[in-house]
Structure formats: structure tokens, C-alpha cells
Amino acid sequence: MNPGKRTTKSTTTINKKPKGFTDEERAAMKNRAQELKAEARADKEKADGESAVLAAIAAMKEPDRAMAKRIHAIIKDRAPALLPKTWYGMPAYANKDGKVVCFFQTAQKFNTRYSTFGFNDTANLDEGAMWPVAFALKELTAVAEEKIVALVKKAVS
């Protein structure tokens, strides 16, 4: 061999397992990272929505404040999939797509003689050709609570 000339040796080993992650594993990790980011955004939005709803409720005068607190507790307990948010400054509860399903409107909002608990078209309350979508509330009795529980369950079914 010529002393000035180098020979090259192959450094590739046949049938050698790759070190690190495979392409599939990297793709799976990227997917999971995206899922975690989406979950974090959803949790942040839910927490922000909850704070806004609680602030809106705290700003209400009695007896509306007490009714709104109780309705909030009912919805959190009976329809945990609904996300709290404010809607025109009122406590509202939205589906996973962000569309408001139900809301509480204080009597003070429009200077009316009663508060309103209402539903939007995303609620599954359809009964024939006509059905109620809003209910006047002057006080939240045990009977009224039972009706609200039943309506909320039906709305999210």
C-alpha cells in the first residue's frame, strides 16, 4: 500500500439496532405532546371560565346570588362535561364545542321582576313542535331544584 494513501473502512454495521427512538415512537410522542397541550389549554379555559362565572355571581345582589350559586353547584355536580363561562356577563355553561347550553340571567341584569334560567338550541330539550327553553325564578325551592336537575340532565343527554 502507498503510505500516503489512506484506505477507507466502512463504519456501518449491518443488522445493528438503531439507538434512540424509532420514527413511530417519535411520532407517538409528538401526538401525546399535542394532546397534553390541548388538555392544558382546556383546563386553563375551564379554570378561567370558572373564575369569571364566580366573579359574575359574586357581583349579584341577593336573592339572585344565592340562586346562581346553587345552580352553579347543580350544574357542576350533574353535568360536569359543561364548561362554565360568562355569556353577556351572565353565568353560562357550554358544551365541549364552546356553545352555550344553559345560562342564568339575574333579574338585576335587565331590571325585571324575576331571574331566568334558560337553554339555547344546543340543549337536547326537544319535545314535539314546541317546548319551553326559559324558566322564571323568583326563588330556588327544592321543587325548582329538582326540575332544574332534570332539565340539565336532559339538556346534555
C-alpha atoms as a PDB file:
ATOM      1  CA  MET A   1       0.000   0.000   0.000  1.00  0.00           C
ATOM      2  CA  ASN A   2       1.044   3.501  -0.663  1.00  0.00           C
ATOM      3  CA  PRO A   3       1.918   5.209   2.640  1.00  0.00           C
ATOM      4  CA  GLY A   4       0.347   8.494   1.537  1.00  0.00           C
ATOM      5  CA  LYS A   5      -2.901   6.897   0.546  1.00  0.00           C
ATOM      6  CA  ARG A   6      -5.474   6.014   3.163  1.00  0.00           C
ATOM      7  CA  THR A   7      -7.974   3.283   2.839  1.00  0.00           C
ATOM      8  CA  THR A   8     -11.496   3.884   3.992  1.00  0.00           C
ATOM      9  CA  LYS A   9     -13.263   1.386   6.133  1.00  0.00           C
ATOM     10  CA  SER A  10     -16.986   1.219   6.401  1.00  0.00           C
ATOM     11  CA  THR A  11     -18.314   2.189   9.826  1.00  0.00           C
ATOM     12  CA  THR A  12     -21.807   0.904   9.086  1.00  0.00           C
ATOM     13  CA  THR A  13     -22.733  -2.302  10.803  1.00  0.00           C
ATOM     14  CA  ILE A  14     -25.318  -4.487   9.172  1.00  0.00           C
ATOM     15  CA  ASN A  15     -28.326  -5.508  11.299  1.00  0.00           C
ATOM     16  CA  LYS A  16     -27.397  -3.036  14.004  1.00  0.00           C
ATOM     17  CA  LYS A  17     -30.392  -1.811  16.072  1.00  0.00           C
ATOM     18  CA  PRO A  18     -30.855   1.974  15.961  1.00  0.00           C
ATOM     19  CA  LYS A  19     -30.070   3.847  19.135  1.00  0.00           C
ATOM     20  CA  GLY A  20     -32.776   6.120  20.474  1.00  0.00           C
ATOM     21  CA  PHE A  21     -36.365   6.244  19.311  1.00  0.00           C
ATOM     22  CA  THR A  22     -37.874   4.917  16.112  1.00  0.00           C
ATOM     23  CA  ASP A  23     -39.815   7.170  13.766  1.00  0.00           C
ATOM     24  CA  GLU A  24     -43.051   5.660  15.054  1.00  0.00           C
ATOM     25  CA  GLU A  25     -42.076   6.294  18.673  1.00  0.00           C
ATOM     26  CA  ARG A  26     -41.148   9.910  17.875  1.00  0.00           C
ATOM     27  CA  ALA A  27     -44.489  10.381  16.082  1.00  0.00           C
ATOM     28  CA  ALA A  28     -46.354   8.910  19.060  1.00  0.00           C
ATOM     29  CA  MET A  29     -44.511  11.254  21.443  1.00  0.00           C
ATOM     30  CA  LYS A  30     -45.346  14.263  19.273  1.00  0.00           C
ATOM     31  CA  ASN A  31     -49.006  13.225  19.254  1.00  0.00           C
ATOM     32  CA  ARG A  32     -49.012  12.845  23.032  1.00  0.00           C
ATOM     33  CA  ALA A  33     -47.327  16.225  23.476  1.00  0.00           C
ATOM     34  CA  GLN A  34     -50.047  17.821  21.332  1.00  0.00           C
ATOM     35  CA  GLU A  35     -52.705  16.078  23.415  1.00  0.00           C
ATOM     36  CA  LEU A  36     -51.161  17.347  26.642  1.00  0.00           C
ATOM     37  CA  LYS A  37     -51.013  20.891  25.277  1.00  0.00           C
ATOM     38  CA  ALA A  38     -54.678  20.682  24.234  1.00  0.00           C
ATOM     39  CA  GLU A  39     -55.625  19.336  27.682  1.00  0.00           C
ATOM     40  CA  ALA A  40     -53.696  22.145  29.378  1.00  0.00           C
ATOM     41  CA  ARG A  41     -55.477  24.748  27.217  1.00  0.00           C
ATOM     42  CA  ALA A  42     -58.851  23.173  28.029  1.00  0.00           C
ATOM     43  CA  ASP A  43     -58.032  23.101  31.754  1.00  0.00           C
ATOM     44  CA  LYS A  44     -56.909  26.742  31.615  1.00  0.00           C
ATOM     45  CA  GLU A  45     -60.059  27.762  29.731  1.00  0.00           C
ATOM     46  CA  LYS A  46     -62.198  25.862  32.236  1.00  0.00           C
ATOM     47  CA  ALA A  47     -60.394  27.489  35.173  1.00  0.00           C
ATOM     48  CA  ASP A  48     -60.679  30.938  33.565  1.00  0.00           C
ATOM     49  CA  GLY A  49     -64.352  30.319  32.839  1.00  0.00           C
ATOM     50  CA  GLU A  50     -64.989  29.146  36.383  1.00  0.00           C
ATOM     51  CA  SER A  51     -63.318  32.274  37.785  1.00  0.00           C
ATOM     52  CA  ALA A  52     -65.346  34.535  35.515  1.00  0.00           C
ATOM     53  CA  VAL A  53     -68.615  32.814  36.469  1.00  0.00           C
ATOM     54  CA  LEU A  54     -67.830  33.008  40.183  1.00  0.00           C
ATOM     55  CA  ALA A  55     -66.966  36.710  39.821  1.00  0.00           C
ATOM     56  CA  ALA A  56     -70.240  37.352  37.959  1.00  0.00           C
ATOM     57  CA  ILE A  57     -72.155  35.533  40.701  1.00  0.00           C
ATOM     58  CA  ALA A  58     -70.338  37.442  43.451  1.00  0.00           C
ATOM     59  CA  ALA A  59     -71.361  40.733  41.803  1.00  0.00           C
ATOM     60  CA  MET A  60     -75.062  39.830  42.019  1.00  0.00           C
ATOM     61  CA  LYS A  61     -77.374  41.019  44.751  1.00  0.00           C
ATOM     62  CA  GLU A  62     -79.400  38.652  46.883  1.00  0.00           C
ATOM     63  CA  PRO A  63     -81.513  36.583  46.313  1.00  0.00           C
ATOM     64  CA  ASP A  64     -80.102  36.161  42.792  1.00  0.00           C
ATOM     65  CA  ARG A  65     -76.602  35.462  44.126  1.00  0.00           C
ATOM     66  CA  ALA A  66     -77.818  32.538  46.233  1.00  0.00           C
ATOM     67  CA  MET A  67     -79.827  31.112  43.329  1.00  0.00           C
ATOM     68  CA  ALA A  68     -76.890  31.460  40.923  1.00  0.00           C
ATOM     69  CA  LYS A  69     -74.514  29.774  43.401  1.00  0.00           C
ATOM     70  CA  ARG A  70     -76.897  26.855  43.817  1.00  0.00           C
ATOM     71  CA  ILE A  71     -77.472  26.498  40.057  1.00  0.00           C
ATOM     72  CA  HIS A  72     -73.700  26.583  39.524  1.00  0.00           C
ATOM     73  CA  ALA A  73     -73.269  23.773  42.072  1.00  0.00           C
ATOM     74  CA  ILE A  74     -76.057  21.725  40.470  1.00  0.00           C
ATOM     75  CA  ILE A  75     -74.541  22.008  37.007  1.00  0.00           C
ATOM     76  CA  LYS A  76     -71.027  21.184  38.210  1.00  0.00           C
ATOM     77  CA  ASP A  77     -72.390  18.132  40.022  1.00  0.00           C
ATOM     78  CA  ARG A  78     -74.948  16.861  37.489  1.00  0.00           C
ATOM     79  CA  ALA A  79     -73.357  17.957  34.203  1.00  0.00           C
ATOM     80  CA  PRO A  80     -69.577  18.089  34.756  1.00  0.00           C
ATOM     81  CA  ALA A  81     -68.962  17.996  30.987  1.00  0.00           C
ATOM     82  CA  LEU A  82     -70.389  21.520  30.685  1.00  0.00           C
ATOM     83  CA  LEU A  83     -67.769  24.237  30.893  1.00  0.00           C
ATOM     84  CA  PRO A  84     -68.541  27.353  32.933  1.00  0.00           C
ATOM     85  CA  LYS A  85     -68.122  30.674  31.143  1.00  0.00           C
ATOM     86  CA  THR A  86     -69.747  34.065  31.110  1.00  0.00           C
ATOM     87  CA  TRP A  87     -72.135  34.889  28.304  1.00  0.00           C
ATOM     88  CA  TYR A  88     -73.168  38.527  28.005  1.00  0.00           C
ATOM     89  CA  GLY A  89     -71.893  38.878  31.560  1.00  0.00           C
ATOM     90  CA  MET A  90     -74.144  36.084  32.842  1.00  0.00           C
ATOM     91  CA  PRO A  91     -73.124  32.685  34.205  1.00  0.00           C
ATOM     92  CA  ALA A  92     -73.418  30.167  31.406  1.00  0.00           C
ATOM     93  CA  TYR A  93     -72.401  26.595  30.733  1.00  0.00           C
ATOM     94  CA  ALA A  94     -71.086  25.435  27.376  1.00  0.00           C
ATOM     95  CA  ASN A  95     -70.533  22.109  25.665  1.00  0.00           C
ATOM     96  CA  LYS A  96     -67.112  20.899  24.511  1.00  0.00           C
ATOM     97  CA  ASP A  97     -67.503  22.959  21.311  1.00  0.00           C
ATOM     98  CA  GLY A  98     -67.877  26.134  23.375  1.00  0.00           C
ATOM     99  CA  LYS A  99     -71.580  26.576  22.553  1.00  0.00           C
ATOM    100  CA  VAL A 100     -73.741  27.702  25.454  1.00  0.00           C
ATOM    101  CA  VAL A 101     -76.219  25.056  26.573  1.00  0.00           C
ATOM    102  CA  CYS A 102     -77.760  26.844  29.571  1.00  0.00           C
ATOM    103  CA  PHE A 103     -77.465  30.146  31.432  1.00  0.00           C
ATOM    104  CA  PHE A 104     -78.665  32.083  34.447  1.00  0.00           C
ATOM    105  CA  GLN A 105     -79.843  35.645  33.947  1.00  0.00           C
ATOM    106  CA  THR A 106     -80.189  37.754  37.068  1.00  0.00           C
ATOM    107  CA  ALA A 107     -83.278  39.923  37.484  1.00  0.00           C
ATOM    108  CA  GLN A 108     -80.954  42.887  38.007  1.00  0.00           C
ATOM    109  CA  LYS A 109     -79.440  42.475  34.542  1.00  0.00           C
ATOM    110  CA  PHE A 110     -82.475  43.946  32.794  1.00  0.00           C
ATOM    111  CA  ASN A 111     -84.322  45.246  35.848  1.00  0.00           C
ATOM    112  CA  THR A 112     -87.016  42.552  35.656  1.00  0.00           C
ATOM    113  CA  ARG A 113     -89.159  41.107  38.417  1.00  0.00           C
ATOM    114  CA  TYR A 114     -87.669  37.595  38.158  1.00  0.00           C
ATOM    115  CA  SER A 115     -84.427  35.854  37.231  1.00  0.00           C
ATOM    116  CA  THR A 116     -84.304  33.415  34.343  1.00  0.00           C
ATOM    117  CA  PHE A 117     -82.758  30.003  33.912  1.00  0.00           C
ATOM    118  CA  GLY A 118     -82.651  29.287  30.197  1.00  0.00           C
ATOM    119  CA  PHE A 119     -81.406  26.961  27.498  1.00  0.00           C
ATOM    120  CA  ASN A 120     -80.073  27.540  23.999  1.00  0.00           C
ATOM    121  CA  ASP A 121     -80.697  25.435  20.913  1.00  0.00           C
ATOM    122  CA  THR A 122     -77.738  23.180  21.762  1.00  0.00           C
ATOM    123  CA  ALA A 123     -79.744  21.738  24.670  1.00  0.00           C
ATOM    124  CA  ASN A 124     -81.496  18.443  23.951  1.00  0.00           C
ATOM    125  CA  LEU A 125     -84.899  19.526  25.221  1.00  0.00           C
ATOM    126  CA  ASP A 126     -86.937  18.972  22.055  1.00  0.00           C
ATOM    127  CA  GLU A 127     -90.480  17.736  22.678  1.00  0.00           C
ATOM    128  CA  GLY A 128     -92.661  17.756  19.589  1.00  0.00           C
ATOM    129  CA  ALA A 129     -93.137  21.035  17.773  1.00  0.00           C
ATOM    130  CA  MET A 130     -92.947  23.323  20.839  1.00  0.00           C
ATOM    131  CA  TRP A 131     -91.190  23.227  24.239  1.00  0.00           C
ATOM    132  CA  PRO A 132     -90.077  25.680  26.918  1.00  0.00           C
ATOM    133  CA  VAL A 133     -86.486  26.922  26.909  1.00  0.00           C
ATOM    134  CA  ALA A 134     -86.542  29.542  29.691  1.00  0.00           C
ATOM    135  CA  PHE A 135     -87.911  29.487  33.206  1.00  0.00           C
ATOM    136  CA  ALA A 136     -88.683  32.363  35.556  1.00  0.00           C
ATOM    137  CA  LEU A 137     -87.162  32.066  39.027  1.00  0.00           C
ATOM    138  CA  LYS A 138     -88.206  34.161  41.998  1.00  0.00           C
ATOM    139  CA  GLU A 139     -86.718  31.707  44.493  1.00  0.00           C
ATOM    140  CA  LEU A 140     -84.983  28.374  44.282  1.00  0.00           C
ATOM    141  CA  THR A 141     -87.119  25.890  46.187  1.00  0.00           C
ATOM    142  CA  ALA A 142     -86.461  22.145  46.489  1.00  0.00           C
ATOM    143  CA  VAL A 143     -89.108  21.509  43.811  1.00  0.00           C
ATOM    144  CA  ALA A 144     -87.487  24.053  41.465  1.00  0.00           C
ATOM    145  CA  GLU A 145     -84.071  22.451  42.068  1.00  0.00           C
ATOM    146  CA  GLU A 146     -85.460  19.036  41.117  1.00  0.00           C
ATOM    147  CA  LYS A 147     -86.847  20.488  37.887  1.00  0.00           C
ATOM    148  CA  ILE A 148     -83.525  22.168  37.096  1.00  0.00           C
ATOM    149  CA  VAL A 149     -81.638  18.907  37.733  1.00  0.00           C
ATOM    150  CA  ALA A 150     -83.983  17.018  35.398  1.00  0.00           C
ATOM    151  CA  LEU A 151     -83.763  19.693  32.695  1.00  0.00           C
ATOM    152  CA  VAL A 152     -79.957  19.889  32.846  1.00  0.00           C
ATOM    153  CA  LYS A 153     -79.634  16.104  32.643  1.00  0.00           C
ATOM    154  CA  LYS A 154     -81.956  16.051  29.638  1.00  0.00           C
ATOM    155  CA  ALA A 155     -80.187  19.010  28.013  1.00  0.00           C
ATOM    156  CA  VAL A 156     -76.820  17.238  27.992  1.00  0.00           C
ATOM    157  CA  SER A 157     -78.113  13.770  27.131  1.00  0.00           C
END
